[in-house]
């Protein structure tokens, strides 16, 4: 089984719209990977709470089977954990899960 973890940390909306979301969503929709997880990390946590277009894209990804997770430490620092949860994102401390992915058989891509 192929597994992809995409770490989205950029606060740049163009990176999200034109690169990160497009690849992540297509990786799942087209079956390039069996499991696809988008990890919202750092400034991206705040960006997505301010951009309705990105919120819609997250909902579409989730509907197509992309797992949505966010680093709780990061989202707490930006004061957006509740908003991310409302968007259907699993907000949790990501240190151990990410370490397990990196040490396991996941491919990890960072934007």
C-alpha atoms as a PDB file:
ATOM      1  CA  UNK A   1       0.000   0.000   0.000  1.00  0.00           C
ATOM      2  CA  UNK A   2       1.402   3.391  -0.980  1.00  0.00           C
ATOM      3  CA  UNK A   3       1.127   6.274   1.476  1.00  0.00           C
ATOM      4  CA  UNK A   4       1.736   9.983   1.002  1.00  0.00           C
ATOM      5  CA  UNK A   5       1.923  12.633   3.714  1.00  0.00           C
ATOM      6  CA  UNK A   6       1.874  16.214   2.457  1.00  0.00           C
ATOM      7  CA  UNK A   7       3.086  18.766   4.971  1.00  0.00           C
ATOM      8  CA  UNK A   8       1.593  22.143   4.119  1.00  0.00           C
ATOM      9  CA  UNK A   9       3.388  24.825   6.099  1.00  0.00           C
ATOM     10  CA  UNK A  10       3.462  27.782   3.718  1.00  0.00           C
ATOM     11  CA  UNK A  11       1.439  30.871   4.489  1.00  0.00           C
ATOM     12  CA  UNK A  12       1.535  31.816   0.802  1.00  0.00           C
ATOM     13  CA  UNK A  13      -1.919  31.375  -0.756  1.00  0.00           C
ATOM     14  CA  UNK A  14      -0.450  30.860  -4.243  1.00  0.00           C
ATOM     15  CA  UNK A  15       1.481  27.808  -2.997  1.00  0.00           C
ATOM     16  CA  UNK A  16      -1.750  26.357  -1.627  1.00  0.00           C
ATOM     17  CA  UNK A  17      -3.944  27.126  -4.632  1.00  0.00           C
ATOM     18  CA  UNK A  18      -1.526  26.406  -7.454  1.00  0.00           C
ATOM     19  CA  UNK A  19       0.711  23.650  -6.108  1.00  0.00           C
ATOM     20  CA  UNK A  20      -0.021  21.964  -2.783  1.00  0.00           C
ATOM     21  CA  UNK A  21      -3.777  21.438  -2.996  1.00  0.00           C
ATOM     22  CA  UNK A  22      -3.728  20.533  -6.675  1.00  0.00           C
ATOM     23  CA  UNK A  23      -1.123  17.787  -6.223  1.00  0.00           C
ATOM     24  CA  UNK A  24      -2.544  16.473  -2.951  1.00  0.00           C
ATOM     25  CA  UNK A  25      -6.080  16.202  -4.259  1.00  0.00           C
ATOM     26  CA  UNK A  26      -5.038  14.634  -7.560  1.00  0.00           C
ATOM     27  CA  UNK A  27      -2.774  12.139  -5.785  1.00  0.00           C
ATOM     28  CA  UNK A  28      -5.870  10.721  -4.111  1.00  0.00           C
ATOM     29  CA  UNK A  29      -8.423  11.169  -6.894  1.00  0.00           C
ATOM     30  CA  UNK A  30      -6.219   9.550  -9.527  1.00  0.00           C
ATOM     31  CA  UNK A  31      -4.955   6.781  -7.264  1.00  0.00           C
ATOM     32  CA  UNK A  32      -1.310   7.794  -7.379  1.00  0.00           C
ATOM     33  CA  UNK A  33      -1.215   6.816  -3.693  1.00  0.00           C
ATOM     34  CA  UNK A  34      -3.599   4.621  -1.729  1.00  0.00           C
ATOM     35  CA  UNK A  35      -3.494   6.778   1.409  1.00  0.00           C
ATOM     36  CA  UNK A  36      -3.065  10.552   1.218  1.00  0.00           C
ATOM     37  CA  UNK A  37      -2.830  12.743   4.318  1.00  0.00           C
ATOM     38  CA  UNK A  38      -2.576  16.535   4.277  1.00  0.00           C
ATOM     39  CA  UNK A  39      -0.906  17.899   7.412  1.00  0.00           C
ATOM     40  CA  UNK A  40      -1.590  21.569   8.122  1.00  0.00           C
ATOM     41  CA  UNK A  41       1.452  22.941   9.921  1.00  0.00           C
ATOM     42  CA  UNK A  42       2.464  26.437  10.987  1.00  0.00           C
ATOM     43  CA  UNK A  43       1.318  29.519   9.020  1.00  0.00           C
ATOM     44  CA  UNK A  44      -0.955  27.459   6.757  1.00  0.00           C
ATOM     45  CA  UNK A  45      -3.241  26.892   9.751  1.00  0.00           C
ATOM     46  CA  UNK A  46      -4.042  30.578   9.955  1.00  0.00           C
ATOM     47  CA  UNK A  47      -4.227  31.039   6.185  1.00  0.00           C
ATOM     48  CA  UNK A  48      -6.912  28.408   5.658  1.00  0.00           C
ATOM     49  CA  UNK A  49      -9.167  29.962   8.295  1.00  0.00           C
ATOM     50  CA  UNK A  50      -9.121  33.273   6.361  1.00  0.00           C
ATOM     51  CA  UNK A  51      -9.592  31.899   2.833  1.00  0.00           C
ATOM     52  CA  UNK A  52     -13.032  30.479   1.945  1.00  0.00           C
ATOM     53  CA  UNK A  53     -11.711  29.122  -1.359  1.00  0.00           C
ATOM     54  CA  UNK A  54      -9.117  27.044   0.494  1.00  0.00           C
ATOM     55  CA  UNK A  55     -11.798  25.909   2.931  1.00  0.00           C
ATOM     56  CA  UNK A  56     -13.919  24.674   0.022  1.00  0.00           C
ATOM     57  CA  UNK A  57     -10.905  22.878  -1.429  1.00  0.00           C
ATOM     58  CA  UNK A  58     -10.264  21.152   1.919  1.00  0.00           C
ATOM     59  CA  UNK A  59     -13.875  19.968   2.026  1.00  0.00           C
ATOM     60  CA  UNK A  60     -13.598  18.586  -1.507  1.00  0.00           C
ATOM     61  CA  UNK A  61     -10.349  16.779  -0.661  1.00  0.00           C
ATOM     62  CA  UNK A  62     -11.922  15.277   2.442  1.00  0.00           C
ATOM     63  CA  UNK A  63     -14.955  14.147   0.449  1.00  0.00           C
ATOM     64  CA  UNK A  64     -12.606  12.360  -1.955  1.00  0.00           C
ATOM     65  CA  UNK A  65     -10.774  10.571   0.852  1.00  0.00           C
ATOM     66  CA  UNK A  66      -7.810  12.785   1.717  1.00  0.00           C
ATOM     67  CA  UNK A  67      -7.166  12.630   5.466  1.00  0.00           C
ATOM     68  CA  UNK A  68      -6.911  16.135   6.954  1.00  0.00           C
ATOM     69  CA  UNK A  69      -4.763  16.677  10.040  1.00  0.00           C
ATOM     70  CA  UNK A  70      -3.297  19.729  11.732  1.00  0.00           C
ATOM     71  CA  UNK A  71      -0.590  20.277  14.300  1.00  0.00           C
ATOM     72  CA  UNK A  72      -2.377  21.297  17.505  1.00  0.00           C
ATOM     73  CA  UNK A  73       0.650  23.155  18.878  1.00  0.00           C
ATOM     74  CA  UNK A  74       0.768  25.260  15.716  1.00  0.00           C
ATOM     75  CA  UNK A  75      -2.954  25.870  15.438  1.00  0.00           C
ATOM     76  CA  UNK A  76      -3.167  26.736  19.141  1.00  0.00           C
ATOM     77  CA  UNK A  77      -0.349  29.259  18.643  1.00  0.00           C
ATOM     78  CA  UNK A  78      -2.390  30.917  15.880  1.00  0.00           C
ATOM     79  CA  UNK A  79      -5.632  30.602  17.852  1.00  0.00           C
ATOM     80  CA  UNK A  80      -7.387  28.610  15.109  1.00  0.00           C
ATOM     81  CA  UNK A  81      -7.734  25.046  16.461  1.00  0.00           C
ATOM     82  CA  UNK A  82     -11.498  25.322  16.851  1.00  0.00           C
ATOM     83  CA  UNK A  83     -11.949  26.734  13.362  1.00  0.00           C
ATOM     84  CA  UNK A  84      -9.888  23.898  11.853  1.00  0.00           C
ATOM     85  CA  UNK A  85     -11.943  21.320  13.720  1.00  0.00           C
ATOM     86  CA  UNK A  86     -15.118  22.914  12.345  1.00  0.00           C
ATOM     87  CA  UNK A  87     -13.679  22.445   8.842  1.00  0.00           C
ATOM     88  CA  UNK A  88     -13.350  18.709   9.490  1.00  0.00           C
ATOM     89  CA  UNK A  89      -9.638  18.710  10.247  1.00  0.00           C
ATOM     90  CA  UNK A  90      -8.319  16.313  12.904  1.00  0.00           C
ATOM     91  CA  UNK A  91      -6.378  18.703  15.149  1.00  0.00           C
ATOM     92  CA  UNK A  92      -3.801  16.863  17.249  1.00  0.00           C
ATOM     93  CA  UNK A  93      -0.212  17.000  18.396  1.00  0.00           C
ATOM     94  CA  UNK A  94       1.745  15.826  15.362  1.00  0.00           C
ATOM     95  CA  UNK A  95       5.257  15.230  16.683  1.00  0.00           C
ATOM     96  CA  UNK A  96       4.860  11.486  17.233  1.00  0.00           C
ATOM     97  CA  UNK A  97       2.582  10.767  14.227  1.00  0.00           C
ATOM     98  CA  UNK A  98       4.898  12.645  11.854  1.00  0.00           C
ATOM     99  CA  UNK A  99       7.954  10.908  13.286  1.00  0.00           C
ATOM    100  CA  UNK A 100       6.267   7.545  12.711  1.00  0.00           C
ATOM    101  CA  UNK A 101       5.516   8.511   9.121  1.00  0.00           C
ATOM    102  CA  UNK A 102       9.097   9.628   8.521  1.00  0.00           C
ATOM    103  CA  UNK A 103      10.476   6.433  10.044  1.00  0.00           C
ATOM    104  CA  UNK A 104       7.914   4.261   8.271  1.00  0.00           C
ATOM    105  CA  UNK A 105       7.040   3.621   4.677  1.00  0.00           C
ATOM    106  CA  UNK A 106       5.370   6.955   3.935  1.00  0.00           C
ATOM    107  CA  UNK A 107       6.529   9.292   1.202  1.00  0.00           C
ATOM    108  CA  UNK A 108       6.625  12.809   2.636  1.00  0.00           C
ATOM    109  CA  UNK A 109       6.291  15.962   0.544  1.00  0.00           C
ATOM    110  CA  UNK A 110       6.517  19.473   1.974  1.00  0.00           C
ATOM    111  CA  UNK A 111       5.078  22.717   0.631  1.00  0.00           C
END
